[in-house]
Amino acid sequence: MNTSEGLVLLASDATHYYEELERDLPFLVVADLEAMYRGFDYMNQLIADRDAILVPGHDPAVLDRHRRLDGPMGEFVAVIGGPGGETAA
């Protein structure tokens, strides 16, 4: 998904937490370890080649790494991009 800050990679369950990619650390439960690592390689390639912004599926650190939405929902929602190109994460 393109935003005014760049391409956003919504990883969902492909990586639950930033740490999994940053430390090459498999998730606790995995059905196919080789496939998981191929997914990690693909995500890392997208991040490197396209300067993509990774949003993992379950990491509360998303709220620390991106601007929070103004207002009462800011406790739960981060914003990537600017006016006209915002994407809530």
N, C-alpha and C. Protein backbone atom coordinates (compact mmCIF):
# COMPACT_ATOMS: atom_id res chain seq x y z
N MET A 1 0.84 -1.15 0.00
CA MET A 1 0.00 0.00 0.00
C MET A 1 0.90 1.23 0.00
N ASN A 2 0.69 2.16 -0.91
CA ASN A 2 1.48 3.37 -0.98
C ASN A 2 0.89 4.47 -0.12
N THR A 3 1.77 5.20 0.57
CA THR A 3 1.37 6.35 1.38
C THR A 3 2.31 7.49 1.03
N SER A 4 2.07 8.65 1.60
CA SER A 4 2.97 9.78 1.38
C SER A 4 4.34 9.54 2.02
N GLU A 5 4.46 8.58 2.93
CA GLU A 5 5.75 8.23 3.54
C GLU A 5 6.43 7.09 2.81
N GLY A 6 5.74 6.46 1.88
CA GLY A 6 6.32 5.35 1.14
C GLY A 6 5.42 4.13 1.16
N LEU A 7 5.95 3.05 0.62
CA LEU A 7 5.23 1.79 0.54
C LEU A 7 5.13 1.17 1.93
N VAL A 8 3.93 0.72 2.32
CA VAL A 8 3.71 0.07 3.60
C VAL A 8 3.48 -1.42 3.36
N LEU A 9 4.22 -2.23 4.07
CA LEU A 9 4.08 -3.69 4.01
C LEU A 9 3.30 -4.13 5.24
N LEU A 10 2.02 -4.44 5.06
CA LEU A 10 1.19 -4.94 6.16
C LEU A 10 1.43 -6.44 6.26
N ALA A 11 2.25 -6.83 7.21
CA ALA A 11 2.73 -8.20 7.28
C ALA A 11 1.73 -9.17 7.89
N SER A 12 0.77 -8.69 8.66
CA SER A 12 -0.22 -9.53 9.30
C SER A 12 0.47 -10.65 10.07
N ASP A 13 0.13 -11.91 9.80
CA ASP A 13 0.75 -13.02 10.54
C ASP A 13 2.04 -13.53 9.90
N ALA A 14 2.48 -12.92 8.80
CA ALA A 14 3.76 -13.32 8.21
C ALA A 14 4.91 -12.99 9.17
N THR A 15 4.76 -11.95 9.94
CA THR A 15 5.63 -11.66 11.08
C THR A 15 4.79 -10.95 12.12
N HIS A 16 4.77 -11.49 13.31
CA HIS A 16 3.93 -10.96 14.38
C HIS A 16 4.55 -9.74 15.04
N TYR A 17 5.89 -9.77 15.18
CA TYR A 17 6.61 -8.72 15.90
C TYR A 17 7.83 -8.28 15.09
N TYR A 18 8.25 -7.03 15.27
CA TYR A 18 9.45 -6.52 14.61
C TYR A 18 10.65 -7.43 14.91
N GLU A 19 10.74 -7.87 16.15
CA GLU A 19 11.87 -8.68 16.61
C GLU A 19 12.09 -9.93 15.74
N GLU A 20 11.02 -10.50 15.24
CA GLU A 20 11.16 -11.72 14.44
C GLU A 20 12.04 -11.47 13.21
N LEU A 21 11.82 -10.37 12.52
CA LEU A 21 12.65 -10.05 11.35
C LEU A 21 14.00 -9.49 11.77
N GLU A 22 14.01 -8.61 12.74
CA GLU A 22 15.25 -7.95 13.13
C GLU A 22 16.27 -8.91 13.73
N ARG A 23 15.79 -9.95 14.40
CA ARG A 23 16.71 -10.92 15.04
C ARG A 23 16.68 -12.29 14.36
N ASP A 24 15.97 -12.37 13.22
CA ASP A 24 15.86 -13.63 12.49
C ASP A 24 15.38 -14.74 13.44
N LEU A 25 14.28 -14.43 14.11
CA LEU A 25 13.78 -15.26 15.20
C LEU A 25 12.41 -15.83 14.83
N PRO A 26 12.29 -17.14 14.72
CA PRO A 26 10.99 -17.71 14.38
C PRO A 26 9.96 -17.50 15.48
N PHE A 27 8.71 -17.40 15.07
CA PHE A 27 7.62 -17.30 16.03
C PHE A 27 7.53 -18.61 16.81
N LEU A 28 6.97 -18.55 17.98
CA LEU A 28 6.88 -19.70 18.87
C LEU A 28 6.22 -20.91 18.21
N VAL A 29 5.16 -20.68 17.43
CA VAL A 29 4.43 -21.77 16.77
C VAL A 29 4.54 -21.57 15.27
N VAL A 30 5.07 -22.58 14.58
CA VAL A 30 5.21 -22.48 13.13
C VAL A 30 5.00 -23.87 12.51
N ALA A 31 4.26 -23.92 11.43
CA ALA A 31 3.97 -25.20 10.78
C ALA A 31 5.05 -25.58 9.77
N ASP A 32 5.66 -24.58 9.12
CA ASP A 32 6.65 -24.84 8.08
C ASP A 32 7.78 -23.83 8.24
N LEU A 33 8.83 -24.22 8.95
CA LEU A 33 9.94 -23.32 9.26
C LEU A 33 10.62 -22.79 8.00
N GLU A 34 10.83 -23.66 7.01
CA GLU A 34 11.48 -23.22 5.78
C GLU A 34 10.64 -22.16 5.07
N ALA A 35 9.34 -22.36 5.00
CA ALA A 35 8.45 -21.39 4.36
C ALA A 35 8.44 -20.08 5.14
N MET A 36 8.50 -20.17 6.46
CA MET A 36 8.53 -18.96 7.27
C MET A 36 9.78 -18.14 6.96
N TYR A 37 10.92 -18.81 6.87
CA TYR A 37 12.17 -18.11 6.55
C TYR A 37 12.17 -17.57 5.12
N ARG A 38 11.53 -18.26 4.19
CA ARG A 38 11.40 -17.70 2.83
C ARG A 38 10.57 -16.42 2.89
N GLY A 39 9.53 -16.41 3.70
CA GLY A 39 8.72 -15.21 3.89
C GLY A 39 9.54 -14.08 4.51
N PHE A 40 10.36 -14.40 5.50
CA PHE A 40 11.24 -13.40 6.10
C PHE A 40 12.16 -12.80 5.05
N ASP A 41 12.75 -13.68 4.22
CA ASP A 41 13.65 -13.21 3.16
C ASP A 41 12.92 -12.27 2.21
N TYR A 42 11.70 -12.65 1.83
CA TYR A 42 10.91 -11.83 0.91
C TYR A 42 10.58 -10.48 1.53
N MET A 43 10.15 -10.47 2.77
CA MET A 43 9.83 -9.21 3.44
C MET A 43 11.07 -8.32 3.56
N ASN A 44 12.20 -8.92 3.95
CA ASN A 44 13.44 -8.15 4.06
C ASN A 44 13.85 -7.57 2.71
N GLN A 45 13.63 -8.34 1.64
CA GLN A 45 13.95 -7.86 0.29
C GLN A 45 13.07 -6.66 -0.08
N LEU A 46 11.78 -6.75 0.20
CA LEU A 46 10.87 -5.62 -0.08
C LEU A 46 11.27 -4.38 0.71
N ILE A 47 11.63 -4.58 1.97
CA ILE A 47 12.03 -3.46 2.81
C ILE A 47 13.29 -2.82 2.24
N ALA A 48 14.25 -3.63 1.84
CA ALA A 48 15.52 -3.11 1.32
C ALA A 48 15.36 -2.50 -0.08
N ASP A 49 14.70 -3.21 -0.98
CA ASP A 49 14.61 -2.76 -2.37
C ASP A 49 13.68 -1.58 -2.56
N ARG A 50 12.61 -1.54 -1.83
CA ARG A 50 11.60 -0.50 -2.02
C ARG A 50 11.51 0.47 -0.84
N ASP A 51 12.41 0.31 0.12
CA ASP A 51 12.39 1.15 1.31
C ASP A 51 11.00 1.11 1.95
N ALA A 52 10.44 -0.09 2.01
CA ALA A 52 9.09 -0.28 2.54
C ALA A 52 9.07 -0.13 4.06
N ILE A 53 7.93 0.29 4.56
CA ILE A 53 7.69 0.44 5.99
C ILE A 53 6.94 -0.81 6.46
N LEU A 54 7.57 -1.57 7.32
CA LEU A 54 6.96 -2.81 7.82
C LEU A 54 5.99 -2.53 8.95
N VAL A 55 4.81 -3.15 8.87
CA VAL A 55 3.85 -3.13 9.98
C VAL A 55 3.52 -4.59 10.30
N PRO A 56 4.15 -5.12 11.38
CA PRO A 56 3.86 -6.50 11.75
C PRO A 56 2.44 -6.64 12.30
N GLY A 57 1.99 -7.88 12.37
CA GLY A 57 0.60 -8.13 12.69
C GLY A 57 0.16 -7.89 14.12
N HIS A 58 1.05 -8.00 15.10
CA HIS A 58 0.60 -7.98 16.49
C HIS A 58 1.49 -7.19 17.43
N ASP A 59 2.42 -6.42 16.91
CA ASP A 59 3.41 -5.77 17.76
C ASP A 59 2.91 -4.42 18.27
N PRO A 60 2.76 -4.27 19.60
CA PRO A 60 2.34 -2.98 20.13
C PRO A 60 3.37 -1.88 19.86
N ALA A 61 4.60 -2.25 19.51
CA ALA A 61 5.64 -1.27 19.20
C ALA A 61 5.31 -0.45 17.95
N VAL A 62 4.34 -0.89 17.15
CA VAL A 62 3.89 -0.10 16.00
C VAL A 62 3.50 1.30 16.48
N LEU A 63 2.87 1.37 17.64
CA LEU A 63 2.43 2.65 18.18
C LEU A 63 3.59 3.52 18.64
N ASP A 64 4.74 2.91 18.90
CA ASP A 64 5.93 3.66 19.30
C ASP A 64 6.76 4.09 18.09
N ARG A 65 6.65 3.35 17.00
CA ARG A 65 7.49 3.62 15.82
C ARG A 65 6.82 4.56 14.82
N HIS A 66 5.54 4.82 15.00
CA HIS A 66 4.80 5.68 14.07
C HIS A 66 3.97 6.69 14.83
N ARG A 67 3.59 7.74 14.14
CA ARG A 67 2.78 8.79 14.74
C ARG A 67 1.42 8.23 15.14
N ARG A 68 0.98 8.58 16.32
CA ARG A 68 -0.34 8.13 16.77
C ARG A 68 -1.42 9.03 16.20
N LEU A 69 -2.56 8.47 15.97
CA LEU A 69 -3.73 9.21 15.51
C LEU A 69 -4.11 10.23 16.58
N ASP A 70 -4.43 11.45 16.16
CA ASP A 70 -4.89 12.47 17.11
C ASP A 70 -6.25 12.07 17.67
N GLY A 71 -6.47 12.41 18.92
CA GLY A 71 -7.76 12.15 19.54
C GLY A 71 -7.76 10.90 20.39
N PRO A 72 -8.93 10.51 20.85
CA PRO A 72 -9.04 9.40 21.80
C PRO A 72 -8.59 8.05 21.23
N MET A 73 -8.63 7.87 19.93
CA MET A 73 -8.21 6.58 19.36
C MET A 73 -6.69 6.48 19.23
N GLY A 74 -5.97 7.56 19.54
CA GLY A 74 -4.51 7.56 19.45
C GLY A 74 -3.86 6.52 20.34
N GLU A 75 -4.57 6.08 21.35
CA GLU A 75 -4.04 5.02 22.22
C GLU A 75 -3.93 3.69 21.48
N PHE A 76 -4.69 3.55 20.39
CA PHE A 76 -4.79 2.27 19.70
C PHE A 76 -4.38 2.31 18.23
N VAL A 77 -4.26 3.52 17.63
CA VAL A 77 -4.08 3.63 16.19
C VAL A 77 -2.87 4.48 15.85
N ALA A 78 -2.01 3.97 14.97
CA ALA A 78 -0.88 4.73 14.44
C ALA A 78 -1.23 5.16 13.02
N VAL A 79 -0.60 6.26 12.58
CA VAL A 79 -0.84 6.80 11.25
C VAL A 79 0.46 6.81 10.48
N ILE A 80 0.42 6.31 9.26
CA ILE A 80 1.58 6.34 8.38
C ILE A 80 1.16 7.12 7.14
N GLY A 81 1.86 8.18 6.86
CA GLY A 81 1.50 9.03 5.71
C GLY A 81 0.91 10.33 6.19
N GLY A 82 0.67 11.21 5.24
CA GLY A 82 0.16 12.53 5.59
C GLY A 82 -1.24 12.72 5.05
N PRO A 83 -1.73 13.94 5.13
CA PRO A 83 -3.07 14.24 4.63
C PRO A 83 -3.26 13.76 3.18
N GLY A 84 -4.34 13.07 2.96
CA GLY A 84 -4.61 12.55 1.63
C GLY A 84 -3.95 11.23 1.33
N GLY A 85 -3.02 10.79 2.19
CA GLY A 85 -2.33 9.54 1.94
C GLY A 85 -2.17 8.73 3.21
N GLU A 86 -3.04 8.99 4.18
CA GLU A 86 -2.92 8.31 5.46
C GLU A 86 -3.35 6.87 5.39
N THR A 87 -2.67 6.06 6.15
CA THR A 87 -3.01 4.66 6.32
C THR A 87 -2.98 4.36 7.81
N ALA A 88 -4.08 3.92 8.37
CA ALA A 88 -4.10 3.58 9.80
C ALA A 88 -3.54 2.19 9.98
N ALA A 89 -2.75 2.02 11.04
CA ALA A 89 -2.15 0.71 11.32
C ALA A 89 -2.55 0.26 12.71
